[in-house]
Amino acid sequence: MKIANLSGRLVLIKDGKAVDVARASDGVFPADPQAVYERWAEFRAWASAVEDEGVPFDPADLGSPAPAPRQVLAIGLNYSEHAAESGFQVPDDLPPVFTKYASAITGPVTTVELPEGGHTDWEVELVVVIGSRAHRAEASWEHVAGLAVGQDLSERITQMVGPAPQFSLGKSFPGFAPIGPWLVTPDELDNPDDLELGSSINGEEMQKGRTSDLIFSVPALIARLSAVLPLLPGDVIFTGTPAGVGLGRTPQRWLAPGDELVSYVEGIGELRQTFVQGGQ
């Protein structure tokens, strides 16, 4: 099953067309895309029987399938080669965890302003959306509603300023958390534990990896995170990025005005961000 946020309304994606959920359910489920996760099991049962064929739509009208999560958890250093290029040891028990503030979340096709004087980097990631409350949960896919493509855009100067790193601020400028193009349930994928993901700038490949190389898999992350705090329906987890970011290159490379960044995850889809200088 695929669901999406189309112009602020929850839709099912069927054969490339959109079925408006509030209309098809006669109001049983609201139009708000974020609200569906509180009734995920009930919604899945209803959606499996929907016969509406849907209507064509413009992908430019898609928003994040989880536009207003209560919690956004982002995982650092979750691929060995990325840890090495960043100059850190591979985590052995709990990976670094930070947040991207929810105001940074956008949809899959956007124009992003680059902070003046900054060094903005790219990090393609598999994004997990939680479908049922998990607290002290076992390592499993049970609590996952679905998967999406994410970009953990990162302004490195802000991230590293001060006596201690400001990870959350440096990664939360407007537009720095695109998610989409839709949410895909794990059963739609041949092997949700082994998906290719990557990114390119102006057609030049920057990153390419596989989620099977995650140090902490999706089920392991759910177990470790929920051991500390409850994961709530609709929460978002950015699971980490493979090697190939600008910070780890020689010479280092940063996003520039006019660049087009394309990010993808196999079996899910792609994001497309175009960058302009702030103030334009």
Protein backbone atom coordinates (compact mmCIF):
# COMPACT_ATOMS: atom_id res chain seq x y z
CA MET A 1 0.00 0.00 0.00
CA LYS A 2 1.10 3.56 -0.73
CA ILE A 3 -0.34 6.67 0.89
CA ALA A 4 0.53 10.28 0.15
CA ASN A 5 -0.15 13.87 1.08
CA LEU A 6 -1.69 15.53 -1.98
CA SER A 7 -2.19 19.28 -1.51
CA GLY A 8 -2.65 18.68 2.22
CA ARG A 9 -5.11 15.79 1.87
CA LEU A 10 -4.54 12.11 2.60
CA VAL A 11 -4.72 9.92 -0.50
CA LEU A 12 -4.17 6.31 -1.43
CA ILE A 13 -1.92 5.81 -4.46
CA LYS A 14 -3.34 3.05 -6.69
CA ASP A 15 -1.86 2.30 -10.11
CA GLY A 16 -0.36 5.78 -10.24
CA LYS A 17 -3.63 7.54 -9.38
CA ALA A 18 -4.83 9.20 -6.18
CA VAL A 19 -7.87 8.17 -4.15
CA ASP A 20 -9.00 10.88 -1.72
CA VAL A 21 -9.42 9.04 1.59
CA ALA A 22 -11.90 11.39 3.29
CA ARG A 23 -14.23 11.30 0.29
CA ALA A 24 -13.87 7.56 -0.40
CA SER A 25 -14.53 6.74 3.28
CA ASP A 26 -17.48 9.17 3.56
CA GLY A 27 -15.62 10.99 6.31
CA VAL A 28 -14.76 7.92 8.41
CA PHE A 29 -11.11 8.95 8.04
CA PRO A 30 -10.20 12.67 7.99
CA ALA A 31 -8.32 14.44 5.21
CA ASP A 32 -5.39 15.29 7.52
CA PRO A 33 -2.44 13.07 6.43
CA GLN A 34 -0.87 13.06 9.91
CA ALA A 35 -4.03 11.88 11.66
CA VAL A 36 -4.09 8.49 9.92
CA TYR A 37 -1.27 7.02 12.01
CA GLU A 38 -3.37 7.14 15.20
CA ARG A 39 -5.76 4.66 13.52
CA TRP A 40 -3.25 2.82 11.38
CA ALA A 41 -4.50 -0.77 11.84
CA GLU A 42 -8.11 0.30 11.22
CA PHE A 43 -7.08 2.33 8.20
CA ARG A 44 -5.09 -0.52 6.64
CA ALA A 45 -8.07 -2.85 6.95
CA TRP A 46 -10.32 -0.27 5.27
CA ALA A 47 -7.80 0.57 2.54
CA SER A 48 -7.39 -3.08 1.54
CA ALA A 49 -11.00 -3.16 0.35
CA VAL A 50 -11.17 0.19 -1.48
CA GLU A 51 -12.29 -0.18 -5.08
CA ASP A 52 -12.13 3.49 -6.15
CA GLU A 53 -9.84 3.81 -9.18
CA GLY A 54 -8.59 7.28 -8.30
CA VAL A 55 -7.66 10.27 -10.45
CA PRO A 56 -4.43 11.54 -12.04
CA PHE A 57 -2.35 14.00 -10.03
CA ASP A 58 0.67 16.27 -10.36
CA PRO A 59 3.68 15.03 -8.30
CA ALA A 60 4.59 18.68 -7.68
CA ASP A 61 1.50 18.84 -5.41
CA LEU A 62 2.77 16.15 -3.05
CA GLY A 63 3.74 17.02 0.52
CA SER A 64 5.41 14.95 3.20
CA PRO A 65 3.40 11.81 4.08
CA ALA A 66 4.12 12.65 7.73
CA PRO A 67 3.96 16.47 7.76
CA ALA A 68 3.59 17.12 11.51
CA PRO A 69 5.12 14.35 13.63
CA ARG A 70 5.35 14.81 17.38
CA GLN A 71 8.89 13.45 17.36
CA VAL A 72 11.58 13.41 14.67
CA LEU A 73 14.56 11.24 15.55
CA ALA A 74 17.63 11.26 13.32
CA ILE A 75 20.46 8.74 13.51
CA GLY A 76 24.10 9.59 12.91
CA LEU A 77 27.03 7.40 11.83
CA ASN A 78 24.84 4.42 10.94
CA TYR A 79 26.97 3.29 7.96
CA SER A 80 30.59 2.30 8.58
CA GLU A 81 32.03 4.12 5.55
CA HIS A 82 30.17 7.33 6.45
CA ALA A 83 31.51 7.15 10.02
CA ALA A 84 35.02 6.79 8.59
CA GLU A 85 34.69 9.72 6.17
CA SER A 86 33.36 11.85 9.05
CA GLY A 87 36.34 10.97 11.27
CA PHE A 88 34.39 9.07 13.93
CA GLN A 89 34.48 5.58 15.40
CA VAL A 90 31.67 3.19 14.49
CA PRO A 91 29.09 3.19 17.32
CA ASP A 92 28.82 -0.16 19.11
CA ASP A 93 25.79 0.10 21.39
CA LEU A 94 23.74 3.24 20.68
CA PRO A 95 24.19 5.44 17.61
CA PRO A 96 24.22 9.24 17.91
CA VAL A 97 20.65 10.52 18.02
CA PHE A 98 19.51 14.10 17.34
CA THR A 99 16.38 15.78 16.00
CA LYS A 100 15.41 17.72 12.93
CA TYR A 101 12.75 20.20 14.00
CA ALA A 102 9.39 19.54 12.38
CA SER A 103 9.24 23.02 10.83
CA ALA A 104 12.00 21.87 8.42
CA ILE A 105 9.79 19.12 6.92
CA THR A 106 8.66 19.56 3.31
CA GLY A 107 7.48 17.42 0.43
CA PRO A 108 9.46 15.66 -2.28
CA VAL A 109 9.84 18.40 -4.93
CA THR A 110 10.98 21.72 -3.48
CA THR A 111 13.14 24.79 -3.85
CA VAL A 112 15.44 25.28 -0.85
CA GLU A 113 17.16 28.50 0.19
CA LEU A 114 20.83 28.11 1.08
CA PRO A 115 21.82 29.93 4.31
CA GLU A 116 24.10 32.86 3.57
CA GLY A 117 27.76 32.06 4.19
CA GLY A 118 27.02 28.43 4.97
CA HIS A 119 28.31 25.03 3.92
CA THR A 120 25.16 23.04 3.09
CA ASP A 121 25.65 19.30 2.67
CA TRP A 122 23.46 16.41 1.48
CA GLU A 123 22.59 13.10 3.21
CA VAL A 124 20.13 10.72 1.55
CA GLU A 125 18.33 8.51 4.07
CA LEU A 126 15.66 5.87 4.44
CA VAL A 127 12.88 7.37 6.56
CA VAL A 128 10.64 5.30 8.84
CA VAL A 129 7.19 6.40 10.01
CA ILE A 130 5.81 4.74 13.14
CA GLY A 131 2.33 3.19 12.95
CA SER A 132 1.75 2.06 16.53
CA ARG A 133 3.12 3.07 19.93
CA ALA A 134 6.37 1.32 20.80
CA HIS A 135 7.90 1.40 24.29
CA ARG A 136 10.55 -1.11 25.32
CA ALA A 137 9.73 -2.93 22.10
CA GLU A 138 11.47 -5.94 20.60
CA ALA A 139 13.55 -5.56 17.45
CA SER A 140 10.94 -6.07 14.73
CA TRP A 141 9.01 -4.33 11.92
CA GLU A 142 5.76 -4.60 13.91
CA HIS A 143 5.49 -0.90 14.77
CA VAL A 144 6.43 0.47 11.33
CA ALA A 145 3.67 2.06 9.23
CA GLY A 146 5.88 2.53 6.21
CA LEU A 147 8.99 3.88 4.55
CA ALA A 148 9.85 6.99 2.56
CA VAL A 149 12.86 8.75 1.06
CA GLY A 150 14.43 11.51 3.15
CA GLN A 151 17.16 14.11 2.84
CA ASP A 152 18.99 15.18 6.00
CA LEU A 153 20.22 18.48 4.58
CA SER A 154 22.92 19.82 6.90
CA GLU A 155 24.48 23.26 7.29
CA ARG A 156 27.91 22.26 8.56
CA ILE A 157 29.09 25.61 9.94
CA THR A 158 26.02 26.00 12.16
CA GLN A 159 26.20 22.30 13.05
CA MET A 160 29.72 22.62 14.45
CA VAL A 161 29.60 26.10 16.01
CA GLY A 162 30.02 26.69 19.75
CA PRO A 163 31.55 24.70 22.59
CA ALA A 164 29.38 21.69 21.63
CA PRO A 165 27.97 20.71 18.21
CA GLN A 166 24.56 22.15 17.29
CA PHE A 167 23.41 19.17 15.21
CA SER A 168 19.68 19.86 15.50
CA LEU A 169 19.90 23.55 14.59
CA GLY A 170 22.31 22.96 11.72
CA LYS A 171 19.94 20.41 10.23
CA SER A 172 16.67 22.32 10.64
CA PHE A 173 16.74 25.34 8.35
CA PRO A 174 13.50 25.74 6.34
CA GLY A 175 13.21 22.97 3.76
CA PHE A 176 16.06 20.91 5.24
CA ALA A 177 13.91 17.79 5.82
CA PRO A 178 12.19 16.80 2.56
CA ILE A 179 10.32 13.48 2.87
CA GLY A 180 8.40 11.54 0.24
CA PRO A 181 7.29 11.07 -2.38
CA TRP A 182 4.83 8.87 -0.47
CA LEU A 183 4.79 6.25 2.27
CA VAL A 184 5.24 2.61 1.19
CA THR A 185 4.28 -0.20 3.54
CA PRO A 186 7.06 -2.79 4.12
CA ASP A 187 5.00 -5.61 2.59
CA GLU A 188 5.20 -3.83 -0.80
CA LEU A 189 8.98 -4.41 -0.90
CA ASP A 190 10.72 -7.69 -1.70
CA ASN A 191 13.16 -7.16 1.18
CA PRO A 192 12.70 -3.99 3.24
CA ASP A 193 16.02 -4.70 5.00
CA ASP A 194 18.02 -4.41 1.75
CA LEU A 195 17.20 -1.38 -0.41
CA GLU A 196 19.54 0.60 -2.63
CA LEU A 197 19.66 4.32 -1.92
CA GLY A 198 21.65 7.16 -3.38
CA SER A 199 21.90 10.80 -4.41
CA SER A 200 23.20 12.85 -7.32
CA ILE A 201 23.90 16.54 -7.97
CA ASN A 202 23.24 17.83 -11.49
CA GLY A 203 23.34 14.22 -12.71
CA GLU A 204 26.67 13.35 -11.02
CA GLU A 205 26.41 10.46 -8.56
CA MET A 206 27.33 11.45 -5.01
CA GLN A 207 26.11 8.56 -2.87
CA LYS A 208 25.15 4.95 -3.46
CA GLY A 209 24.63 2.35 -0.77
CA ARG A 210 22.32 -0.33 0.57
CA THR A 211 20.27 -0.36 3.74
CA SER A 212 21.57 -3.87 4.43
CA ASP A 213 24.79 -2.04 5.42
CA LEU A 214 23.09 -0.17 8.24
CA ILE A 215 24.99 -0.73 11.49
CA PHE A 216 21.66 -0.57 13.34
CA SER A 217 18.83 -1.93 11.16
CA VAL A 218 15.31 -0.51 11.28
CA PRO A 219 14.15 -3.16 13.81
CA ALA A 220 17.28 -2.60 15.92
CA LEU A 221 16.72 1.16 15.94
CA ILE A 222 13.13 0.71 17.12
CA ALA A 223 14.31 -1.51 19.97
CA ARG A 224 17.11 0.83 21.07
CA LEU A 225 15.14 4.06 20.75
CA SER A 226 12.02 2.70 22.44
CA ALA A 227 14.13 1.44 25.33
CA VAL A 228 14.56 5.11 26.25
CA LEU A 229 11.38 6.85 25.08
CA PRO A 230 8.01 5.84 23.65
CA LEU A 231 7.80 6.03 19.87
CA LEU A 232 4.41 7.47 18.97
CA PRO A 233 2.16 6.94 15.94
CA GLY A 234 3.30 9.24 13.15
CA ASP A 235 6.81 9.75 14.56
CA VAL A 236 9.59 9.98 11.96
CA ILE A 237 13.02 8.32 12.08
CA PHE A 238 15.81 9.33 9.70
CA THR A 239 17.92 6.16 9.75
CA GLY A 240 21.33 7.51 8.65
CA THR A 241 23.23 8.16 5.43
CA PRO A 242 25.82 6.18 3.44
CA ALA A 243 29.21 7.58 2.45
CA GLY A 244 29.64 10.26 -0.18
CA VAL A 245 28.63 13.47 1.60
CA GLY A 246 30.36 16.75 0.85
CA LEU A 247 32.04 16.94 4.25
CA GLY A 248 34.01 13.78 3.59
CA ARG A 249 35.33 14.75 0.13
CA THR A 250 38.75 16.12 -0.78
CA PRO A 251 38.30 18.96 -1.47
CA GLN A 252 35.09 19.35 0.47
CA ARG A 253 32.03 20.19 -1.62
CA TRP A 254 28.89 22.09 -0.72
CA LEU A 255 25.57 22.69 -2.42
CA ALA A 256 25.48 25.85 -4.54
CA PRO A 257 22.74 28.02 -6.07
CA GLY A 258 21.36 26.32 -9.19
CA ASP A 259 22.24 22.79 -8.05
CA GLU A 260 19.61 20.08 -8.41
CA LEU A 261 19.84 17.29 -5.83
CA VAL A 262 18.04 14.01 -6.61
CA SER A 263 17.73 11.40 -3.87
CA TYR A 264 16.20 7.94 -4.18
CA VAL A 265 15.44 4.71 -2.38
CA GLU A 266 14.81 1.56 -4.39
CA GLY A 267 11.16 0.52 -4.50
CA ILE A 268 9.98 3.81 -3.00
CA GLY A 269 10.80 6.75 -5.29
CA GLU A 270 12.80 9.96 -5.38
CA LEU A 271 13.10 13.49 -4.04
CA ARG A 272 14.16 16.47 -6.12
CA GLN A 273 15.51 19.66 -4.53
CA THR A 274 16.66 22.80 -6.36
CA PHE A 275 18.79 25.31 -4.44
CA VAL A 276 18.77 29.10 -4.51
CA GLN A 277 20.71 31.63 -2.46
CA GLY A 278 18.84 32.83 0.60
CA GLY A 279 16.91 36.04 0.04
CA GLN A 280 16.00 35.30 -3.59
